[in-house]
Amino acid sequence: LMATGYLFDNSAVLITAFCCGGSQEDLVQGIGRISKTSVKLRSNFLRQGQLRTFKMATAYYNRAPRNEESIYNLIPREEVKPSKPARFVEGKPGILKNQGYTSKFNDTVKTELKKDKAPAKTMGPAKVDVSPPKQFLKKHQKEPQLPAKKDFHYPDEDKRRPSVPKKEDKPLMGLQTNKNFITTNAVENIMSVPKKPVAKYVDTPKGATFDLDPSGLNPKYTQKKDYGRTPEYLTRRKEDIKRAQEEYDAYVKEHFRRGAMKTLTEAERQMMLDGLKKNWEELHHQYQGLSVVTDTAPKKARKERMEAEMKQLERDIEAIEKHKIIYVANN
């Protein structure tokens, strides 16, 4: 049984046709065209006991439309992009922009991204000299090359005795000499100078002997020709110091002549030294009278101040006692 219904918006006329020979799919498609808002049609299906068929028709009617083939789909259409909502610009009230969100740190991020970048910074130079195709890299080409082989020779090879002749070597035959070895040996012994025996000493009960020179028992150092004399480098150093002192004295005299400096007399120097010592004694007497317990800040500060003044006086006294001649500038 196939039912086909048409529901118009301006009228409530329902036309229902029944015919025989229709399939179940045709039934579902026909019922799907009926609006689900039709209470009358729904009640009609309920009376006939076909509620399941009505639900299937309603689901088919409300399905998503299919992409049917059409010649109109070949016409090119302009793609319309949805415009972004307007937004307020920070710091500029009343101004709108049709753009997305833009951070205020946009320029800073771009600057920081490009700051430490440079061309060929980590990947080497952009262009390098390329070897010709015929000079391709070969096996073991970049390995360190050993020097060429050389024949080994012992350092004392020229001083060695000749090797023993082999049994296959033939000796030189027919060599004769007229030298009188007896007379030659007698003359050499008569003309030779006898060797001086090496000085040795014995320090064990069994008679073990040792050389005397490296032992230190022989007064060898005191027998030198320059023993007790001033070394030459000390003499040269004394001459350099004397020459430097003469140059300094000449410089000081020149400044005296110009009136740039004056020398303290011995009386003035001694008077200055006595005054510094007297000040130190007075300060030391006051220091001895301080309280043993420094429980307050003023006591501690006074003690530290007096100790610093005493140390400064001691340094001044030491400097004046060390230098006998003191120069004072006029300005």
Protein backbone atom coordinates (compact mmCIF):
# COMPACT_ATOMS: atom_id res chain seq x y z
CA LEU A 1 0.00 0.00 0.00
CA MET A 2 1.53 3.32 -1.01
CA ALA A 3 0.26 6.60 0.44
CA THR A 4 1.10 9.99 -1.01
CA GLY A 5 0.06 13.15 0.77
CA TYR A 6 0.32 16.86 -0.12
CA LEU A 7 -0.08 19.51 2.58
CA PHE A 8 -0.49 23.10 1.41
CA ASP A 9 0.32 26.12 3.59
CA ASN A 10 -2.90 28.02 2.77
CA SER A 11 -5.32 25.14 3.15
CA ALA A 12 -5.75 22.13 5.33
CA VAL A 13 -6.76 19.91 2.47
CA LEU A 14 -5.26 16.46 2.71
CA ILE A 15 -5.38 14.26 -0.32
CA THR A 16 -4.58 10.67 0.33
CA ALA A 17 -4.39 8.14 -2.45
CA PHE A 18 -4.14 4.48 -2.00
CA CYS A 19 -2.99 2.16 -4.65
CA CYS A 20 -1.74 -1.35 -4.78
CA GLY A 21 1.52 -2.75 -6.01
CA GLY A 22 3.88 -0.20 -4.36
CA SER A 23 7.13 -1.25 -2.63
CA GLN A 24 8.17 -0.49 0.95
CA GLU A 25 10.75 2.14 -0.22
CA ASP A 26 8.12 3.92 -2.29
CA LEU A 27 5.86 3.89 0.72
CA VAL A 28 8.52 5.48 2.91
CA GLN A 29 9.32 8.14 0.28
CA GLY A 30 5.68 8.98 -0.21
CA ILE A 31 4.94 9.29 3.48
CA GLY A 32 8.09 11.40 3.93
CA ARG A 33 6.57 14.19 1.91
CA ILE A 34 3.84 14.62 4.50
CA SER A 35 4.57 17.24 7.14
CA LYS A 36 5.10 15.91 10.61
CA THR A 37 2.93 18.69 11.93
CA SER A 38 -0.15 17.13 10.46
CA VAL A 39 -1.98 15.79 13.48
CA LYS A 40 -4.72 14.40 11.35
CA LEU A 41 -2.32 12.28 9.27
CA ARG A 42 -0.57 11.06 12.41
CA SER A 43 -3.88 10.01 13.95
CA ASN A 44 -4.80 8.28 10.71
CA PHE A 45 -1.61 6.18 10.86
CA LEU A 46 -2.23 5.44 14.52
CA ARG A 47 -5.66 4.09 13.75
CA GLN A 48 -4.22 1.84 11.11
CA GLY A 49 -1.33 0.66 13.44
CA GLN A 50 1.45 1.99 11.19
CA LEU A 51 3.28 4.34 13.63
CA ARG A 52 6.70 2.83 12.75
CA THR A 53 6.09 3.59 9.07
CA PHE A 54 5.22 7.18 9.92
CA LYS A 55 8.46 7.63 11.89
CA MET A 56 10.52 6.25 9.01
CA ALA A 57 8.82 8.65 6.58
CA THR A 58 9.46 11.62 8.87
CA ALA A 59 13.18 10.72 9.25
CA TYR A 60 13.53 10.38 5.48
CA TYR A 61 11.89 13.73 4.89
CA ASN A 62 14.16 15.52 7.39
CA ARG A 63 17.40 14.01 6.08
CA ALA A 64 20.27 16.17 4.71
CA PRO A 65 19.96 17.04 1.05
CA ARG A 66 22.06 15.03 -1.40
CA ASN A 67 24.69 16.56 -3.69
CA GLU A 68 22.89 15.91 -6.86
CA GLU A 69 24.63 16.35 -10.19
CA SER A 70 23.67 19.46 -12.09
CA ILE A 71 25.06 21.43 -15.00
CA TYR A 72 24.78 24.56 -12.91
CA ASN A 73 27.57 23.30 -10.66
CA LEU A 74 30.05 23.90 -13.52
CA ILE A 75 29.52 27.65 -13.42
CA PRO A 76 32.48 29.28 -11.53
CA ARG A 77 31.36 31.07 -8.42
CA GLU A 78 33.18 33.75 -6.46
CA GLU A 79 34.23 32.58 -3.03
CA VAL A 80 32.82 34.87 -0.39
CA LYS A 81 34.90 35.05 2.78
CA PRO A 82 33.06 35.92 5.93
CA SER A 83 34.15 39.27 7.30
CA LYS A 84 35.67 39.37 10.77
CA PRO A 85 33.74 41.17 13.47
CA ALA A 86 34.72 44.74 14.26
CA ARG A 87 36.87 45.32 17.34
CA PHE A 88 38.04 48.25 19.39
CA VAL A 89 41.65 49.49 19.11
CA GLU A 90 43.41 49.75 22.45
CA GLY A 91 44.29 53.31 23.37
CA LYS A 92 42.14 54.77 20.55
CA PRO A 93 38.52 54.91 21.70
CA GLY A 94 35.89 55.16 19.00
CA ILE A 95 38.07 53.52 16.32
CA LEU A 96 37.03 50.17 14.90
CA LYS A 97 38.91 47.76 12.68
CA ASN A 98 37.62 44.81 10.71
CA GLN A 99 40.60 42.64 11.61
CA GLY A 100 41.34 39.80 13.94
CA TYR A 101 43.15 40.07 17.24
CA THR A 102 46.64 41.66 17.06
CA SER A 103 48.89 41.62 20.10
CA LYS A 104 50.60 44.78 21.26
CA PHE A 105 53.88 42.85 21.35
CA ASN A 106 53.71 42.10 17.63
CA ASP A 107 56.47 44.54 16.62
CA THR A 108 58.66 43.52 19.56
CA VAL A 109 58.45 39.84 18.65
CA LYS A 110 59.36 40.55 15.03
CA THR A 111 62.38 42.62 16.12
CA GLU A 112 63.61 39.97 18.56
CA LEU A 113 63.17 37.28 15.93
CA LYS A 114 65.36 39.10 13.40
CA LYS A 115 67.91 40.51 15.85
CA ASP A 116 70.24 37.52 16.24
CA LYS A 117 69.78 36.18 12.72
CA ALA A 118 72.34 36.71 10.03
CA PRO A 119 72.94 35.09 6.64
CA ALA A 120 75.11 31.99 6.85
CA LYS A 121 75.52 32.33 10.59
CA THR A 122 75.34 28.67 11.53
CA MET A 123 75.40 26.88 8.17
CA GLY A 124 78.66 28.27 6.83
CA PRO A 125 79.20 30.65 3.92
CA ALA A 126 76.51 30.84 1.28
CA LYS A 127 78.93 30.14 -1.56
CA VAL A 128 82.06 28.00 -1.40
CA ASP A 129 84.58 26.98 -3.98
CA VAL A 130 83.40 23.77 -5.55
CA SER A 131 85.89 21.23 -6.82
CA PRO A 132 85.67 20.29 -10.48
CA PRO A 133 83.81 17.07 -11.25
CA LYS A 134 87.00 15.23 -12.14
CA GLN A 135 88.46 15.84 -8.68
CA PHE A 136 85.83 13.86 -6.81
CA LEU A 137 86.42 12.65 -3.27
CA LYS A 138 88.15 9.32 -3.13
CA LYS A 139 88.48 6.70 -0.47
CA HIS A 140 90.90 7.59 2.40
CA GLN A 141 91.61 10.94 0.75
CA LYS A 142 91.06 13.04 3.89
CA GLU A 143 92.99 10.76 6.19
CA PRO A 144 96.38 12.03 7.44
CA GLN A 145 99.19 11.00 5.14
CA LEU A 146 102.29 9.42 6.64
CA PRO A 147 105.69 10.65 5.50
CA ALA A 148 107.58 8.70 2.89
CA LYS A 149 109.51 5.68 4.07
CA LYS A 150 113.20 6.17 4.77
CA ASP A 151 115.95 3.68 5.46
CA PHE A 152 116.73 3.41 9.18
CA HIS A 153 120.31 4.18 10.23
CA TYR A 154 121.76 3.94 13.70
CA PRO A 155 123.36 7.16 14.95
CA ASP A 156 126.70 5.39 15.64
CA GLU A 157 126.66 3.45 12.43
CA ASP A 158 129.76 5.18 11.05
CA LYS A 159 131.72 4.35 14.24
CA ARG A 160 130.94 0.69 14.22
CA ARG A 161 133.41 -1.92 13.25
CA PRO A 162 132.96 -3.62 9.93
CA SER A 163 130.80 -6.71 10.03
CA VAL A 164 132.31 -10.15 10.07
CA PRO A 165 132.93 -11.36 6.54
CA LYS A 166 130.75 -14.17 5.34
CA LYS A 167 132.05 -17.55 4.43
CA GLU A 168 131.32 -16.93 0.77
CA ASP A 169 133.53 -13.80 0.70
CA LYS A 170 137.01 -14.33 -0.66
CA PRO A 171 139.88 -12.70 1.31
CA LEU A 172 142.40 -10.43 -0.34
CA MET A 173 145.43 -12.45 -1.25
CA GLY A 174 149.03 -11.38 -1.71
CA LEU A 175 149.10 -8.41 0.70
CA GLN A 176 152.52 -7.96 2.36
CA THR A 177 154.02 -5.27 4.59
CA ASN A 178 157.59 -4.27 5.47
CA LYS A 179 156.67 -2.73 8.85
CA ASN A 180 158.74 -3.84 11.86
CA PHE A 181 156.11 -4.13 14.57
CA ILE A 182 158.66 -4.81 17.34
CA THR A 183 160.59 -1.61 16.72
CA THR A 184 157.39 0.42 16.25
CA ASN A 185 155.95 -0.77 19.57
CA ALA A 186 159.22 -0.04 21.39
CA VAL A 187 159.36 3.54 20.03
CA GLU A 188 155.70 4.26 20.90
CA ASN A 189 156.15 3.08 24.48
CA ILE A 190 159.31 5.13 24.94
CA MET A 191 157.75 8.35 23.58
CA SER A 192 154.36 8.00 25.31
CA VAL A 193 153.52 9.99 28.49
CA PRO A 194 152.57 7.87 31.46
CA LYS A 195 148.97 8.24 32.67
CA LYS A 196 148.30 9.91 35.98
CA PRO A 197 146.58 7.55 38.39
CA VAL A 198 143.01 8.50 39.36
CA ALA A 199 142.65 9.66 42.96
CA LYS A 200 140.44 7.26 44.90
CA TYR A 201 139.51 6.58 48.48
CA VAL A 202 138.50 3.47 50.41
CA ASP A 203 135.68 3.65 52.97
CA THR A 204 134.73 0.00 53.54
CA PRO A 205 136.54 -2.73 55.43
CA LYS A 206 136.53 -4.87 52.30
CA GLY A 207 138.46 -2.26 50.30
CA ALA A 208 135.78 -0.80 48.02
CA THR A 209 137.25 2.18 46.15
CA PHE A 210 135.47 5.34 44.90
CA ASP A 211 136.59 8.40 42.96
CA LEU A 212 137.89 11.21 45.16
CA ASP A 213 136.78 14.23 43.08
CA PRO A 214 132.97 13.87 43.31
CA SER A 215 133.13 12.80 46.97
CA GLY A 216 133.72 16.32 48.36
CA LEU A 217 136.71 15.25 50.44
CA ASN A 218 139.11 17.08 48.18
CA PRO A 219 139.00 20.92 48.70
CA LYS A 220 138.37 21.62 45.05
CA TYR A 221 136.24 24.82 45.27
CA THR A 222 138.62 26.74 47.52
CA GLN A 223 141.50 26.12 45.10
CA LYS A 224 139.89 28.11 42.28
CA LYS A 225 141.64 31.16 40.90
CA ASP A 226 138.66 33.50 41.44
CA TYR A 227 137.86 32.23 44.93
CA GLY A 228 137.03 35.08 47.31
CA ARG A 229 136.61 37.70 44.57
CA THR A 230 133.50 39.77 43.90
CA PRO A 231 131.56 38.43 40.92
CA GLU A 232 131.48 40.59 37.83
CA TYR A 233 127.68 40.89 37.74
CA LEU A 234 127.68 42.43 41.23
CA THR A 235 130.28 44.97 40.12
CA ARG A 236 128.17 45.90 37.09
CA ARG A 237 125.05 46.23 39.25
CA LYS A 238 126.81 48.56 41.69
CA GLU A 239 127.96 50.72 38.81
CA ASP A 240 124.40 50.91 37.43
CA ILE A 241 123.01 51.91 40.84
CA LYS A 242 125.71 54.55 41.28
CA ARG A 243 125.03 56.00 37.84
CA ALA A 244 121.26 56.11 38.51
CA GLN A 245 121.85 57.89 41.83
CA GLU A 246 124.07 60.47 40.17
CA GLU A 247 121.40 61.15 37.54
CA TYR A 248 118.76 61.55 40.25
CA ASP A 249 120.97 63.93 42.25
CA ALA A 250 121.55 66.00 39.12
CA TYR A 251 117.79 66.15 38.51
CA VAL A 252 117.16 67.25 42.12
CA LYS A 253 119.83 69.94 41.95
CA GLU A 254 118.30 71.28 38.76
CA HIS A 255 114.93 71.56 40.49
CA PHE A 256 116.55 73.22 43.47
CA ARG A 257 118.04 75.76 41.13
CA ARG A 258 114.61 76.49 39.70
CA GLY A 259 113.08 76.69 43.18
CA ALA A 260 110.69 73.81 42.63
CA MET A 261 111.54 71.91 45.85
CA LYS A 262 113.38 72.42 49.11
CA THR A 263 115.12 70.02 51.47
CA LEU A 264 114.19 69.68 55.12
CA THR A 265 117.08 70.24 57.44
CA GLU A 266 117.99 67.72 60.08
CA ALA A 267 116.58 69.97 62.82
CA GLU A 268 113.23 70.32 61.00
CA ARG A 269 113.08 66.61 60.35
CA GLN A 270 113.81 65.79 64.02
CA MET A 271 111.26 68.34 65.21
CA MET A 272 108.60 66.80 62.95
CA LEU A 273 109.50 63.34 64.20
CA ASP A 274 109.28 64.41 67.86
CA GLY A 275 105.89 66.02 67.26
CA LEU A 276 104.49 62.86 65.69
CA LYS A 277 105.78 60.74 68.57
CA LYS A 278 104.29 63.14 71.14
CA ASN A 279 100.91 62.99 69.41
CA TRP A 280 101.07 59.23 69.40
CA GLU A 281 101.86 59.12 73.13
CA GLU A 282 98.93 61.41 73.96
CA LEU A 283 96.57 59.39 71.79
CA HIS A 284 97.86 56.17 73.33
CA HIS A 285 97.29 57.58 76.84
CA GLN A 286 93.67 58.35 75.93
CA TYR A 287 93.30 54.90 74.40
CA GLN A 288 94.49 53.27 77.63
CA GLY A 289 91.78 55.12 79.53
CA LEU A 290 88.94 53.70 77.45
CA SER A 291 86.43 51.30 78.93
CA VAL A 292 87.24 47.64 78.62
CA VAL A 293 83.67 46.76 77.67
CA THR A 294 82.43 48.36 74.43
CA ASP A 295 78.75 47.68 74.86
CA THR A 296 77.45 50.77 73.05
CA ALA A 297 77.86 52.07 69.51
CA PRO A 298 79.57 55.39 70.51
CA LYS A 299 82.22 53.52 72.55
CA LYS A 300 82.92 51.17 69.68
CA ALA A 301 83.14 54.01 67.13
CA ARG A 302 85.51 56.04 69.37
CA LYS A 303 87.79 53.04 69.91
CA GLU A 304 87.99 52.28 66.16
CA ARG A 305 88.68 55.94 65.36
CA MET A 306 91.54 56.14 67.87
CA GLU A 307 93.06 52.89 66.59
CA ALA A 308 93.01 54.20 63.01
CA GLU A 309 94.68 57.47 64.05
CA MET A 310 97.40 55.58 65.95
CA LYS A 311 98.13 53.36 62.95
CA GLN A 312 98.41 56.39 60.67
CA LEU A 313 100.85 58.08 63.08
CA GLU A 314 102.94 54.90 63.22
CA ARG A 315 103.16 54.78 59.42
CA ASP A 316 104.22 58.45 59.26
CA ILE A 317 106.90 57.96 61.91
CA GLU A 318 108.25 54.89 60.09
CA ALA A 319 108.41 56.77 56.75
CA ILE A 320 110.31 59.74 58.27
CA GLU A 321 112.78 57.51 60.12
CA LYS A 322 113.42 55.49 56.98
CA HIS A 323 114.29 58.46 54.73
CA LYS A 324 117.05 60.76 55.91
CA ILE A 325 116.53 63.30 53.12
CA ILE A 326 113.02 64.69 52.61
CA TYR A 327 112.07 67.02 49.77
CA VAL A 328 109.11 69.36 50.02
CA ALA A 329 107.53 71.07 47.01
CA ASN A 330 107.06 74.85 47.23
CA ASN A 331 103.60 74.73 45.66
